[in-house]
Amino acid sequence: MSTAITPVTWPHVFSPGEAGAPVLLMLHGTGGNEHEIPSLAVELHSGAGVLAPRGQVQENGMLRWFRRHGEGVFDVDDVIARATELAAFLNAAREHYNLGNRPVVAVGFSNGANIALATAMLQPQTLDRVIAFSGMYPFADRESPADLAGSRLLILNGEADPMAPPASVSTLIAALHQNGADVEQVLRPGGHGIAHTDLEAAKEWLAKVLAA
């Protein structure tokens, strides 16, 4: 892992968007990349800036955000290390791109949702707004002790998603509530993915959070 994390050394896509608009930290899922995920940002906020870094782990040629031992079995030590790196990248990008006080909202899908959640739960001073599509609890049987008062998160899942099991999602929601976060959950029929109804709910939630 790199000890000098900067926007110069970490492959990413950046688009400034409109002045004063939020910046969406777009985090791709397994097998995706930093060039594909930004198209989702337009669905959520047409004027937003986009910051889309590349996952730094490869699994069978596919990009990911952290290592795992098997499907749904995360290497929690690596989750924590990679979340810390992502927070460092975000802090460096804020300075590098002169983002000032523009709000930053992480938008992640699947593995990208999991690293967004891990980062927000470990580093709420850096990231405190998250839209998580098809994510789950990222820390296995470990607790996340950070004080999340002031954090706001939207958790969107399919009710029959084998890749983000309902039990893990329930653990996630309980942990977020227990640590003081403002959490909204959207459940829909179906499995892994992003449905049109998810996008509509996320767009409404984002508008509400930005107006607060």
N, C-alpha and C. Protein backbone atom coordinates (compact mmCIF):
# COMPACT_ATOMS: atom_id res chain seq x y z
N MET A 1 0.83 -1.19 0.00
CA MET A 1 0.00 0.00 0.00
C MET A 1 0.87 1.25 0.00
N SER A 2 0.41 2.27 -0.68
CA SER A 2 1.19 3.49 -0.79
C SER A 2 1.20 4.26 0.52
N THR A 3 2.35 4.89 0.80
CA THR A 3 2.44 5.73 1.99
C THR A 3 2.22 7.21 1.64
N ALA A 4 2.24 7.53 0.35
CA ALA A 4 2.01 8.90 -0.10
C ALA A 4 0.79 8.91 -1.00
N ILE A 5 -0.37 9.16 -0.42
CA ILE A 5 -1.62 9.09 -1.17
C ILE A 5 -2.02 10.48 -1.61
N THR A 6 -1.98 10.69 -2.92
CA THR A 6 -2.35 11.98 -3.49
C THR A 6 -3.15 11.74 -4.76
N PRO A 7 -3.88 12.77 -5.22
CA PRO A 7 -4.58 12.63 -6.51
C PRO A 7 -3.62 12.43 -7.68
N VAL A 8 -2.34 12.75 -7.49
CA VAL A 8 -1.36 12.55 -8.55
C VAL A 8 -1.00 11.07 -8.68
N THR A 9 -0.93 10.37 -7.56
CA THR A 9 -0.49 8.97 -7.57
C THR A 9 -1.64 7.97 -7.64
N TRP A 10 -2.87 8.42 -7.41
CA TRP A 10 -4.01 7.50 -7.38
C TRP A 10 -4.85 7.74 -8.64
N PRO A 11 -4.95 6.77 -9.54
CA PRO A 11 -5.76 6.97 -10.76
C PRO A 11 -7.21 7.32 -10.41
N HIS A 12 -7.74 8.33 -11.08
CA HIS A 12 -9.10 8.77 -10.80
C HIS A 12 -9.59 9.66 -11.92
N VAL A 13 -10.88 9.93 -11.89
CA VAL A 13 -11.53 10.88 -12.79
C VAL A 13 -12.07 12.03 -11.95
N PHE A 14 -11.86 13.25 -12.42
CA PHE A 14 -12.43 14.41 -11.72
C PHE A 14 -13.08 15.34 -12.72
N SER A 15 -14.29 15.78 -12.37
CA SER A 15 -15.00 16.80 -13.13
C SER A 15 -15.52 17.82 -12.12
N PRO A 16 -15.21 19.10 -12.28
CA PRO A 16 -15.54 20.07 -11.23
C PRO A 16 -17.03 20.34 -11.05
N GLY A 17 -17.83 20.15 -12.10
CA GLY A 17 -19.24 20.46 -11.98
C GLY A 17 -19.48 21.95 -11.83
N GLU A 18 -20.67 22.30 -11.39
CA GLU A 18 -21.03 23.70 -11.23
C GLU A 18 -20.48 24.26 -9.92
N ALA A 19 -20.14 25.52 -9.93
CA ALA A 19 -19.61 26.17 -8.73
C ALA A 19 -20.60 26.04 -7.57
N GLY A 20 -20.11 25.60 -6.44
CA GLY A 20 -20.95 25.46 -5.26
C GLY A 20 -21.77 24.20 -5.19
N ALA A 21 -21.81 23.43 -6.29
CA ALA A 21 -22.58 22.17 -6.29
C ALA A 21 -21.84 21.12 -5.48
N PRO A 22 -22.54 20.09 -5.03
CA PRO A 22 -21.85 19.03 -4.29
C PRO A 22 -20.88 18.27 -5.19
N VAL A 23 -19.96 17.59 -4.55
CA VAL A 23 -19.05 16.70 -5.26
C VAL A 23 -19.43 15.27 -4.87
N LEU A 24 -19.70 14.45 -5.86
CA LEU A 24 -20.07 13.07 -5.61
C LEU A 24 -18.83 12.19 -5.73
N LEU A 25 -18.49 11.52 -4.65
CA LEU A 25 -17.38 10.58 -4.63
C LEU A 25 -17.91 9.24 -5.14
N MET A 26 -17.67 8.94 -6.40
CA MET A 26 -18.27 7.79 -7.06
C MET A 26 -17.36 6.57 -6.93
N LEU A 27 -17.89 5.51 -6.34
CA LEU A 27 -17.10 4.33 -6.00
C LEU A 27 -17.68 3.10 -6.68
N HIS A 28 -16.94 2.57 -7.64
CA HIS A 28 -17.42 1.48 -8.49
C HIS A 28 -17.47 0.15 -7.74
N GLY A 29 -18.22 -0.79 -8.30
CA GLY A 29 -18.29 -2.13 -7.75
C GLY A 29 -17.19 -3.02 -8.32
N THR A 30 -17.16 -4.26 -7.87
CA THR A 30 -16.17 -5.22 -8.37
C THR A 30 -16.30 -5.37 -9.88
N GLY A 31 -15.17 -5.24 -10.57
CA GLY A 31 -15.17 -5.37 -12.02
C GLY A 31 -15.45 -4.08 -12.75
N GLY A 32 -15.84 -3.03 -12.02
CA GLY A 32 -16.05 -1.73 -12.64
C GLY A 32 -14.76 -0.93 -12.63
N ASN A 33 -14.87 0.34 -12.97
CA ASN A 33 -13.70 1.20 -12.91
C ASN A 33 -14.12 2.66 -12.78
N GLU A 34 -13.12 3.51 -12.70
CA GLU A 34 -13.37 4.94 -12.46
C GLU A 34 -13.96 5.65 -13.67
N HIS A 35 -13.94 5.01 -14.81
CA HIS A 35 -14.49 5.64 -16.01
C HIS A 35 -15.97 5.31 -16.23
N GLU A 36 -16.43 4.20 -15.65
CA GLU A 36 -17.81 3.77 -15.84
C GLU A 36 -18.77 4.41 -14.83
N ILE A 37 -18.35 4.47 -13.58
CA ILE A 37 -19.26 4.87 -12.50
C ILE A 37 -19.71 6.33 -12.57
N PRO A 38 -18.93 7.29 -13.14
CA PRO A 38 -19.40 8.68 -13.13
C PRO A 38 -20.73 8.92 -13.84
N SER A 39 -21.09 8.07 -14.79
CA SER A 39 -22.37 8.27 -15.49
C SER A 39 -23.55 8.20 -14.54
N LEU A 40 -23.39 7.51 -13.42
CA LEU A 40 -24.46 7.42 -12.43
C LEU A 40 -24.70 8.76 -11.74
N ALA A 41 -23.66 9.58 -11.66
CA ALA A 41 -23.77 10.86 -10.95
C ALA A 41 -24.81 11.76 -11.59
N VAL A 42 -24.90 11.74 -12.91
CA VAL A 42 -25.85 12.59 -13.63
C VAL A 42 -27.29 12.26 -13.23
N GLU A 43 -27.54 10.98 -12.91
CA GLU A 43 -28.88 10.56 -12.50
C GLU A 43 -29.27 11.15 -11.14
N LEU A 44 -28.27 11.52 -10.35
CA LEU A 44 -28.54 11.97 -8.99
C LEU A 44 -28.51 13.49 -8.84
N HIS A 45 -27.62 14.15 -9.59
CA HIS A 45 -27.51 15.61 -9.51
C HIS A 45 -26.79 16.08 -10.76
N SER A 46 -27.50 16.75 -11.65
CA SER A 46 -26.96 17.08 -12.96
C SER A 46 -25.78 18.05 -12.89
N GLY A 47 -25.73 18.88 -11.86
CA GLY A 47 -24.65 19.86 -11.78
C GLY A 47 -23.50 19.49 -10.87
N ALA A 48 -23.55 18.29 -10.30
CA ALA A 48 -22.55 17.91 -9.31
C ALA A 48 -21.17 17.73 -9.92
N GLY A 49 -20.16 18.00 -9.10
CA GLY A 49 -18.81 17.60 -9.44
C GLY A 49 -18.67 16.11 -9.22
N VAL A 50 -17.69 15.50 -9.87
CA VAL A 50 -17.48 14.06 -9.77
C VAL A 50 -16.02 13.79 -9.43
N LEU A 51 -15.82 12.97 -8.41
CA LEU A 51 -14.50 12.48 -8.05
C LEU A 51 -14.60 10.96 -7.99
N ALA A 52 -13.98 10.28 -8.95
CA ALA A 52 -14.14 8.83 -9.06
C ALA A 52 -12.77 8.16 -9.06
N PRO A 53 -12.30 7.70 -7.90
CA PRO A 53 -11.03 6.99 -7.85
C PRO A 53 -11.18 5.53 -8.26
N ARG A 54 -10.06 4.91 -8.52
CA ARG A 54 -10.01 3.50 -8.92
C ARG A 54 -9.72 2.61 -7.72
N GLY A 55 -10.46 1.51 -7.58
CA GLY A 55 -10.14 0.54 -6.55
C GLY A 55 -8.72 0.01 -6.75
N GLN A 56 -8.00 -0.16 -5.64
CA GLN A 56 -6.57 -0.48 -5.72
C GLN A 56 -6.26 -1.96 -5.56
N VAL A 57 -7.29 -2.80 -5.51
CA VAL A 57 -7.09 -4.25 -5.35
C VAL A 57 -7.56 -4.95 -6.61
N GLN A 58 -6.84 -5.98 -7.03
CA GLN A 58 -7.26 -6.79 -8.16
C GLN A 58 -7.57 -8.21 -7.71
N GLU A 59 -8.69 -8.72 -8.21
CA GLU A 59 -9.10 -10.09 -7.92
C GLU A 59 -9.48 -10.73 -9.25
N ASN A 60 -8.68 -11.69 -9.68
CA ASN A 60 -8.91 -12.35 -10.96
C ASN A 60 -9.07 -11.34 -12.10
N GLY A 61 -8.23 -10.30 -12.06
CA GLY A 61 -8.25 -9.29 -13.11
C GLY A 61 -9.30 -8.22 -12.94
N MET A 62 -10.12 -8.30 -11.89
CA MET A 62 -11.18 -7.32 -11.65
C MET A 62 -10.75 -6.37 -10.54
N LEU A 63 -11.05 -5.09 -10.73
CA LEU A 63 -10.74 -4.10 -9.72
C LEU A 63 -11.72 -4.19 -8.54
N ARG A 64 -11.16 -4.04 -7.34
CA ARG A 64 -11.95 -4.02 -6.11
C ARG A 64 -11.36 -2.99 -5.17
N TRP A 65 -12.05 -2.79 -4.04
CA TRP A 65 -11.59 -1.82 -3.05
C TRP A 65 -10.82 -2.46 -1.91
N PHE A 66 -11.06 -3.73 -1.64
CA PHE A 66 -10.34 -4.42 -0.56
C PHE A 66 -10.38 -5.91 -0.83
N ARG A 67 -9.51 -6.63 -0.15
CA ARG A 67 -9.42 -8.08 -0.35
C ARG A 67 -10.56 -8.79 0.38
N ARG A 68 -10.85 -9.98 -0.09
CA ARG A 68 -11.81 -10.84 0.58
C ARG A 68 -11.32 -12.29 0.53
N HIS A 69 -11.81 -13.08 1.46
CA HIS A 69 -11.42 -14.49 1.53
C HIS A 69 -12.36 -15.37 0.71
N GLY A 70 -13.52 -14.86 0.37
CA GLY A 70 -14.53 -15.57 -0.42
C GLY A 70 -15.72 -14.66 -0.58
N GLU A 71 -16.74 -15.12 -1.28
CA GLU A 71 -17.94 -14.32 -1.49
C GLU A 71 -18.56 -13.91 -0.17
N GLY A 72 -18.59 -12.62 0.10
CA GLY A 72 -19.18 -12.12 1.33
C GLY A 72 -18.33 -12.28 2.57
N VAL A 73 -17.09 -12.77 2.41
CA VAL A 73 -16.19 -12.96 3.55
C VAL A 73 -15.03 -11.99 3.39
N PHE A 74 -15.13 -10.86 4.05
CA PHE A 74 -14.17 -9.79 3.84
C PHE A 74 -12.92 -9.95 4.70
N ASP A 75 -11.80 -9.49 4.18
CA ASP A 75 -10.57 -9.36 4.95
C ASP A 75 -10.70 -8.03 5.71
N VAL A 76 -11.16 -8.11 6.94
CA VAL A 76 -11.54 -6.89 7.67
C VAL A 76 -10.33 -5.99 7.92
N ASP A 77 -9.17 -6.58 8.19
CA ASP A 77 -7.98 -5.74 8.37
C ASP A 77 -7.70 -4.93 7.10
N ASP A 78 -7.91 -5.56 5.94
CA ASP A 78 -7.69 -4.84 4.69
C ASP A 78 -8.78 -3.81 4.46
N VAL A 79 -10.01 -4.12 4.84
CA VAL A 79 -11.10 -3.14 4.75
C VAL A 79 -10.71 -1.87 5.50
N ILE A 80 -10.23 -2.04 6.72
CA ILE A 80 -9.88 -0.90 7.56
C ILE A 80 -8.72 -0.11 6.95
N ALA A 81 -7.71 -0.83 6.47
CA ALA A 81 -6.55 -0.15 5.87
C ALA A 81 -6.94 0.60 4.61
N ARG A 82 -7.75 -0.03 3.76
CA ARG A 82 -8.15 0.62 2.51
C ARG A 82 -9.09 1.80 2.75
N ALA A 83 -9.95 1.69 3.75
CA ALA A 83 -10.83 2.81 4.08
C ALA A 83 -10.02 4.00 4.57
N THR A 84 -8.99 3.72 5.34
CA THR A 84 -8.10 4.78 5.81
C THR A 84 -7.40 5.45 4.64
N GLU A 85 -6.97 4.65 3.66
CA GLU A 85 -6.35 5.20 2.46
C GLU A 85 -7.32 6.06 1.66
N LEU A 86 -8.56 5.60 1.53
CA LEU A 86 -9.54 6.36 0.77
C LEU A 86 -9.81 7.70 1.43
N ALA A 87 -9.88 7.71 2.76
CA ALA A 87 -10.07 8.97 3.48
C ALA A 87 -8.90 9.92 3.22
N ALA A 88 -7.68 9.37 3.20
CA ALA A 88 -6.51 10.19 2.93
C ALA A 88 -6.56 10.76 1.51
N PHE A 89 -7.00 9.93 0.55
CA PHE A 89 -7.14 10.40 -0.82
C PHE A 89 -8.16 11.54 -0.90
N LEU A 90 -9.29 11.38 -0.22
CA LEU A 90 -10.33 12.40 -0.26
C LEU A 90 -9.83 13.70 0.34
N ASN A 91 -9.13 13.62 1.45
CA ASN A 91 -8.58 14.83 2.06
C ASN A 91 -7.59 15.52 1.12
N ALA A 92 -6.74 14.72 0.47
CA ALA A 92 -5.77 15.29 -0.47
C ALA A 92 -6.46 15.90 -1.68
N ALA A 93 -7.52 15.24 -2.15
CA ALA A 93 -8.24 15.74 -3.32
C ALA A 93 -8.96 17.06 -3.00
N ARG A 94 -9.47 17.18 -1.80
CA ARG A 94 -10.12 18.44 -1.41
C ARG A 94 -9.15 19.61 -1.58
N GLU A 95 -7.92 19.39 -1.14
CA GLU A 95 -6.91 20.45 -1.24
C GLU A 95 -6.45 20.63 -2.68
N HIS A 96 -6.17 19.51 -3.36
CA HIS A 96 -5.63 19.55 -4.72
C HIS A 96 -6.57 20.27 -5.68
N TYR A 97 -7.88 20.02 -5.53
CA TYR A 97 -8.87 20.60 -6.44
C TYR A 97 -9.57 21.82 -5.85
N ASN A 98 -9.07 22.30 -4.72
CA ASN A 98 -9.63 23.51 -4.10
C ASN A 98 -11.15 23.40 -3.91
N LEU A 99 -11.56 22.29 -3.32
CA LEU A 99 -13.00 22.06 -3.14
C LEU A 99 -13.59 22.89 -2.01
N GLY A 100 -12.75 23.42 -1.15
CA GLY A 100 -13.25 24.27 -0.09
C GLY A 100 -14.28 23.58 0.78
N ASN A 101 -15.41 24.27 0.96
CA ASN A 101 -16.48 23.73 1.80
C ASN A 101 -17.58 23.05 0.99
N ARG A 102 -17.32 22.72 -0.27
CA ARG A 102 -18.34 22.04 -1.06
C ARG A 102 -18.66 20.69 -0.41
N PRO A 103 -19.94 20.38 -0.26
CA PRO A 103 -20.28 19.09 0.35
C PRO A 103 -19.84 17.93 -0.53
N VAL A 104 -19.32 16.89 0.11
CA VAL A 104 -18.92 15.67 -0.58
C VAL A 104 -19.83 14.54 -0.13
N VAL A 105 -20.42 13.86 -1.09
CA VAL A 105 -21.31 12.73 -0.79
C VAL A 105 -20.77 11.51 -1.53
N ALA A 106 -20.49 10.44 -0.79
CA ALA A 106 -20.04 9.21 -1.43
C ALA A 106 -21.24 8.47 -2.01
N VAL A 107 -21.06 7.95 -3.22
CA VAL A 107 -22.08 7.15 -3.88
C VAL A 107 -21.40 5.85 -4.32
N GLY A 108 -21.76 4.75 -3.69
CA GLY A 108 -21.09 3.49 -4.00
C GLY A 108 -22.06 2.40 -4.35
N PHE A 109 -21.61 1.52 -5.24
CA PHE A 109 -22.39 0.35 -5.61
C PHE A 109 -21.65 -0.92 -5.20
N SER A 110 -22.32 -1.80 -4.47
CA SER A 110 -21.79 -3.12 -4.11
C SER A 110 -20.48 -2.96 -3.35
N ASN A 111 -19.36 -3.44 -3.89
CA ASN A 111 -18.07 -3.29 -3.21
C ASN A 111 -17.75 -1.83 -2.96
N GLY A 112 -18.15 -0.96 -3.91
CA GLY A 112 -17.96 0.47 -3.71
C GLY A 112 -18.81 1.02 -2.58
N ALA A 113 -20.03 0.48 -2.41
CA ALA A 113 -20.86 0.86 -1.27
C ALA A 113 -20.22 0.43 0.03
N ASN A 114 -19.61 -0.75 0.03
CA ASN A 114 -19.00 -1.26 1.26
C ASN A 114 -17.81 -0.43 1.69
N ILE A 115 -16.97 0.01 0.74
CA ILE A 115 -15.83 0.85 1.13
C ILE A 115 -16.31 2.24 1.53
N ALA A 116 -17.38 2.73 0.91
CA ALA A 116 -17.96 4.01 1.34
C ALA A 116 -18.45 3.92 2.77
N LEU A 117 -19.15 2.84 3.08
CA LEU A 117 -19.67 2.66 4.43
C LEU A 117 -18.54 2.51 5.44
N ALA A 118 -17.53 1.73 5.10
CA ALA A 118 -16.40 1.54 6.00
C ALA A 118 -15.69 2.86 6.27
N THR A 119 -15.49 3.65 5.22
CA THR A 119 -14.80 4.93 5.38
C THR A 119 -15.62 5.88 6.24
N ALA A 120 -16.92 5.93 5.98
CA ALA A 120 -17.78 6.82 6.76
C ALA A 120 -17.86 6.39 8.23
N MET A 121 -17.81 5.08 8.47
CA MET A 121 -17.92 4.59 9.84
C MET A 121 -16.61 4.72 10.61
N LEU A 122 -15.49 4.73 9.89
CA LEU A 122 -14.19 4.85 10.55
C LEU A 122 -13.67 6.29 10.56
N GLN A 123 -14.03 7.06 9.53
CA GLN A 123 -13.48 8.41 9.36
C GLN A 123 -14.61 9.43 9.13
N PRO A 124 -15.56 9.54 10.06
CA PRO A 124 -16.70 10.43 9.83
C PRO A 124 -16.31 11.90 9.73
N GLN A 125 -15.14 12.25 10.24
CA GLN A 125 -14.69 13.63 10.12
C GLN A 125 -14.30 13.96 8.68
N THR A 126 -14.05 12.93 7.88
CA THR A 126 -13.69 13.12 6.47
C THR A 126 -14.87 12.88 5.55
N LEU A 127 -15.69 11.88 5.87
CA LEU A 127 -16.84 11.52 5.03
C LEU A 127 -18.04 11.25 5.91
N ASP A 128 -19.09 12.06 5.74
CA ASP A 128 -20.26 11.89 6.61
C ASP A 128 -21.58 11.86 5.85
N ARG A 129 -21.49 11.70 4.51
CA ARG A 129 -22.70 11.57 3.68
C ARG A 129 -22.48 10.43 2.70
N VAL A 130 -23.38 9.45 2.71
CA VAL A 130 -23.19 8.25 1.89
C VAL A 130 -24.52 7.79 1.29
N ILE A 131 -24.48 7.46 0.01
CA ILE A 131 -25.56 6.73 -0.65
C ILE A 131 -24.98 5.37 -1.02
N ALA A 132 -25.52 4.32 -0.41
CA ALA A 132 -24.97 2.98 -0.58
C ALA A 132 -25.98 2.07 -1.29
N PHE A 133 -25.66 1.72 -2.53
CA PHE A 133 -26.49 0.81 -3.31
C PHE A 133 -25.96 -0.62 -3.14
N SER A 134 -26.82 -1.51 -2.66
CA SER A 134 -26.48 -2.95 -2.52
C SER A 134 -25.23 -3.16 -1.68
N GLY A 135 -25.15 -2.44 -0.57
CA GLY A 135 -24.04 -2.61 0.36
C GLY A 135 -24.45 -3.46 1.55
N MET A 136 -23.46 -3.74 2.42
CA MET A 136 -23.69 -4.56 3.60
C MET A 136 -22.73 -4.12 4.71
N TYR A 137 -22.81 -4.76 5.86
CA TYR A 137 -21.92 -4.42 6.97
C TYR A 137 -20.50 -4.83 6.61
N PRO A 138 -19.54 -3.90 6.64
CA PRO A 138 -18.21 -4.21 6.12
C PRO A 138 -17.21 -4.79 7.11
N PHE A 139 -17.61 -4.95 8.38
CA PHE A 139 -16.62 -5.32 9.40
C PHE A 139 -16.84 -6.71 10.00
N ALA A 140 -17.59 -7.57 9.32
CA ALA A 140 -17.83 -8.95 9.81
C ALA A 140 -18.36 -8.90 11.24
N ASP A 141 -17.61 -9.52 12.18
CA ASP A 141 -18.10 -9.59 13.57
C ASP A 141 -17.48 -8.52 14.46
N ARG A 142 -16.82 -7.55 13.86
CA ARG A 142 -16.21 -6.47 14.65
C ARG A 142 -17.16 -5.29 14.75
N GLU A 143 -16.96 -4.51 15.80
CA GLU A 143 -17.77 -3.32 16.00
C GLU A 143 -17.07 -2.10 15.42
N SER A 144 -17.85 -1.11 15.08
CA SER A 144 -17.33 0.18 14.61
C SER A 144 -17.64 1.22 15.68
N PRO A 145 -16.64 1.64 16.45
CA PRO A 145 -16.90 2.46 17.64
C PRO A 145 -17.02 3.96 17.38
N ALA A 146 -16.81 4.43 16.16
CA ALA A 146 -16.79 5.88 15.91
C ALA A 146 -18.13 6.52 16.22
N ASP A 147 -18.08 7.74 16.71
CA ASP A 147 -19.28 8.54 16.96
C ASP A 147 -19.76 9.09 15.62
N LEU A 148 -20.95 8.68 15.20
CA LEU A 148 -21.46 9.07 13.89
C LEU A 148 -22.55 10.14 13.99
N ALA A 149 -22.64 10.81 15.12
CA ALA A 149 -23.60 11.90 15.25
C ALA A 149 -23.31 12.94 14.18
N GLY A 150 -24.32 13.32 13.43
CA GLY A 150 -24.15 14.27 12.34
C GLY A 150 -23.99 13.61 10.99
N SER A 151 -23.68 12.31 10.96
CA SER A 151 -23.56 11.59 9.69
C SER A 151 -24.94 11.24 9.16
N ARG A 152 -25.09 11.27 7.83
CA ARG A 152 -26.36 10.91 7.21
C ARG A 152 -26.08 9.91 6.09
N LEU A 153 -26.82 8.82 6.11
CA LEU A 153 -26.59 7.75 5.15
C LEU A 153 -27.90 7.22 4.62
N LEU A 154 -27.89 6.88 3.33
CA LEU A 154 -29.03 6.24 2.67
C LEU A 154 -28.59 4.85 2.25
N ILE A 155 -29.32 3.84 2.71
CA ILE A 155 -28.96 2.45 2.46
C ILE A 155 -30.06 1.83 1.58
N LEU A 156 -29.69 1.40 0.37
CA LEU A 156 -30.66 0.86 -0.58
C LEU A 156 -30.30 -0.57 -0.94
N ASN A 157 -31.25 -1.49 -0.75
CA ASN A 157 -30.98 -2.91 -0.99
C ASN A 157 -32.19 -3.62 -1.58
N GLY A 158 -31.91 -4.71 -2.27
CA GLY A 158 -32.94 -5.65 -2.66
C GLY A 158 -33.22 -6.62 -1.53
N GLU A 159 -34.47 -6.99 -1.36
CA GLU A 159 -34.84 -7.86 -0.24
C GLU A 159 -34.32 -9.29 -0.41
N ALA A 160 -34.00 -9.68 -1.63
CA ALA A 160 -33.55 -11.04 -1.90
C ALA A 160 -32.17 -11.01 -2.57
N ASP A 161 -31.25 -10.31 -1.95
CA ASP A 161 -29.91 -10.13 -2.50
C ASP A 161 -28.94 -11.09 -1.82
N PRO A 162 -28.50 -12.16 -2.51
CA PRO A 162 -27.58 -13.10 -1.88
C PRO A 162 -26.19 -12.52 -1.67
N MET A 163 -25.85 -11.45 -2.39
CA MET A 163 -24.52 -10.86 -2.26
C MET A 163 -24.45 -9.81 -1.15
N ALA A 164 -25.59 -9.33 -0.71
CA ALA A 164 -25.69 -8.44 0.44
C ALA A 164 -26.84 -8.96 1.29
N PRO A 165 -26.59 -10.03 2.05
CA PRO A 165 -27.67 -10.73 2.76
C PRO A 165 -28.42 -9.83 3.74
N PRO A 166 -29.73 -10.05 3.87
CA PRO A 166 -30.52 -9.22 4.77
C PRO A 166 -29.97 -9.17 6.20
N ALA A 167 -29.40 -10.28 6.69
CA ALA A 167 -28.87 -10.28 8.06
C ALA A 167 -27.72 -9.28 8.20
N SER A 168 -26.86 -9.20 7.18
CA SER A 168 -25.75 -8.26 7.23
C SER A 168 -26.24 -6.83 7.09
N VAL A 169 -27.25 -6.63 6.26
CA VAL A 169 -27.83 -5.29 6.12
C VAL A 169 -28.46 -4.84 7.43
N SER A 170 -29.14 -5.75 8.10
CA SER A 170 -29.74 -5.43 9.40
C SER A 170 -28.67 -5.07 10.42
N THR A 171 -27.54 -5.80 10.41
CA THR A 171 -26.43 -5.47 11.29
C THR A 171 -25.90 -4.08 11.00
N LEU A 172 -25.79 -3.75 9.71
CA LEU A 172 -25.33 -2.43 9.30
C LEU A 172 -26.24 -1.34 9.85
N ILE A 173 -27.54 -1.49 9.61
CA ILE A 173 -28.49 -0.47 10.05
C ILE A 173 -28.44 -0.30 11.56
N ALA A 174 -28.38 -1.41 12.29
CA ALA A 174 -28.32 -1.34 13.75
C ALA A 174 -27.06 -0.65 14.23
N ALA A 175 -25.92 -0.95 13.60
CA ALA A 175 -24.65 -0.33 14.01
C ALA A 175 -24.66 1.17 13.74
N LEU A 176 -25.20 1.57 12.60
CA LEU A 176 -25.28 2.99 12.28
C LEU A 176 -26.15 3.74 13.28
N HIS A 177 -27.32 3.17 13.57
CA HIS A 177 -28.22 3.79 14.55
C HIS A 177 -27.55 3.86 15.92
N GLN A 178 -26.92 2.76 16.32
CA GLN A 178 -26.31 2.69 17.65
C GLN A 178 -25.22 3.75 17.82
N ASN A 179 -24.54 4.07 16.75
CA ASN A 179 -23.45 5.04 16.83
C ASN A 179 -23.90 6.47 16.50
N GLY A 180 -25.22 6.67 16.37
CA GLY A 180 -25.74 8.03 16.30
C GLY A 180 -26.00 8.59 14.93
N ALA A 181 -25.86 7.77 13.89
CA ALA A 181 -26.05 8.28 12.53
C ALA A 181 -27.54 8.46 12.22
N ASP A 182 -27.81 9.37 11.29
CA ASP A 182 -29.14 9.55 10.72
C ASP A 182 -29.21 8.63 9.50
N VAL A 183 -30.03 7.59 9.58
CA VAL A 183 -30.05 6.57 8.54
C VAL A 183 -31.44 6.44 7.94
N GLU A 184 -31.47 6.39 6.62
CA GLU A 184 -32.70 6.04 5.92
C GLU A 184 -32.44 4.77 5.12
N GLN A 185 -33.41 3.86 5.17
CA GLN A 185 -33.26 2.59 4.46
C GLN A 185 -34.37 2.44 3.43
N VAL A 186 -34.00 1.97 2.25
CA VAL A 186 -34.96 1.68 1.19
C VAL A 186 -34.78 0.23 0.79
N LEU A 187 -35.83 -0.55 0.96
CA LEU A 187 -35.84 -1.95 0.53
C LEU A 187 -36.80 -2.10 -0.63
N ARG A 188 -36.40 -2.88 -1.59
CA ARG A 188 -37.27 -3.13 -2.75
C ARG A 188 -37.25 -4.62 -3.05
N PRO A 189 -38.24 -5.12 -3.78
CA PRO A 189 -38.20 -6.51 -4.23
C PRO A 189 -37.00 -6.72 -5.16
N GLY A 190 -36.47 -7.93 -5.15
CA GLY A 190 -35.38 -8.22 -6.07
C GLY A 190 -34.05 -8.38 -5.39
N GLY A 191 -33.00 -8.44 -6.22
CA GLY A 191 -31.68 -8.75 -5.71
C GLY A 191 -30.66 -7.65 -5.91
N HIS A 192 -29.44 -8.06 -6.26
CA HIS A 192 -28.31 -7.16 -6.37
C HIS A 192 -28.45 -6.26 -7.58
N GLY A 193 -28.15 -4.98 -7.40
CA GLY A 193 -28.24 -4.06 -8.53
C GLY A 193 -28.78 -2.71 -8.11
N ILE A 194 -29.03 -1.87 -9.10
CA ILE A 194 -29.60 -0.54 -8.87
C ILE A 194 -30.84 -0.41 -9.73
N ALA A 195 -32.00 -0.39 -9.09
CA ALA A 195 -33.26 -0.27 -9.81
C ALA A 195 -33.60 1.21 -10.02
N HIS A 196 -34.53 1.46 -10.92
CA HIS A 196 -34.98 2.83 -11.18
C HIS A 196 -35.53 3.46 -9.90
N THR A 197 -36.24 2.67 -9.12
CA THR A 197 -36.79 3.20 -7.87
C THR A 197 -35.68 3.58 -6.89
N ASP A 198 -34.56 2.85 -6.92
CA ASP A 198 -33.41 3.21 -6.09
C ASP A 198 -32.88 4.58 -6.47
N LEU A 199 -32.75 4.81 -7.78
CA LEU A 199 -32.23 6.08 -8.26
C LEU A 199 -33.15 7.23 -7.87
N GLU A 200 -34.45 7.02 -7.99
CA GLU A 200 -35.39 8.07 -7.62
C GLU A 200 -35.31 8.38 -6.14
N ALA A 201 -35.22 7.33 -5.32
CA ALA A 201 -35.11 7.53 -3.87
C ALA A 201 -33.81 8.25 -3.52
N ALA A 202 -32.72 7.87 -4.19
CA ALA A 202 -31.43 8.50 -3.91
C ALA A 202 -31.42 9.97 -4.33
N LYS A 203 -32.03 10.26 -5.46
CA LYS A 203 -32.09 11.65 -5.93
C LYS A 203 -32.88 12.51 -4.94
N GLU A 204 -33.99 12.00 -4.45
CA GLU A 204 -34.81 12.74 -3.50
C GLU A 204 -34.07 12.93 -2.18
N TRP A 205 -33.40 11.86 -1.73
CA TRP A 205 -32.65 11.94 -0.48
C TRP A 205 -31.53 12.97 -0.60
N LEU A 206 -30.80 12.95 -1.69
CA LEU A 206 -29.69 13.87 -1.89
C LEU A 206 -30.17 15.31 -1.88
N ALA A 207 -31.26 15.57 -2.56
CA ALA A 207 -31.81 16.94 -2.58
C ALA A 207 -32.19 17.39 -1.17
N LYS A 208 -32.76 16.49 -0.41
CA LYS A 208 -33.17 16.82 0.95
C LYS A 208 -31.96 17.10 1.84
N VAL A 209 -30.93 16.28 1.71
CA VAL A 209 -29.73 16.45 2.53
C VAL A 209 -29.01 17.75 2.19
N LEU A 210 -28.95 18.07 0.91
CA LEU A 210 -28.26 19.27 0.49
C LEU A 210 -29.01 20.53 0.91
N ALA A 211 -30.33 20.41 1.02
CA ALA A 211 -31.14 21.56 1.40
C ALA A 211 -31.14 21.80 2.91
N ALA A 212 -30.72 20.79 3.66
CA ALA A 212 -30.78 20.88 5.12
C ALA A 212 -29.75 21.89 5.65
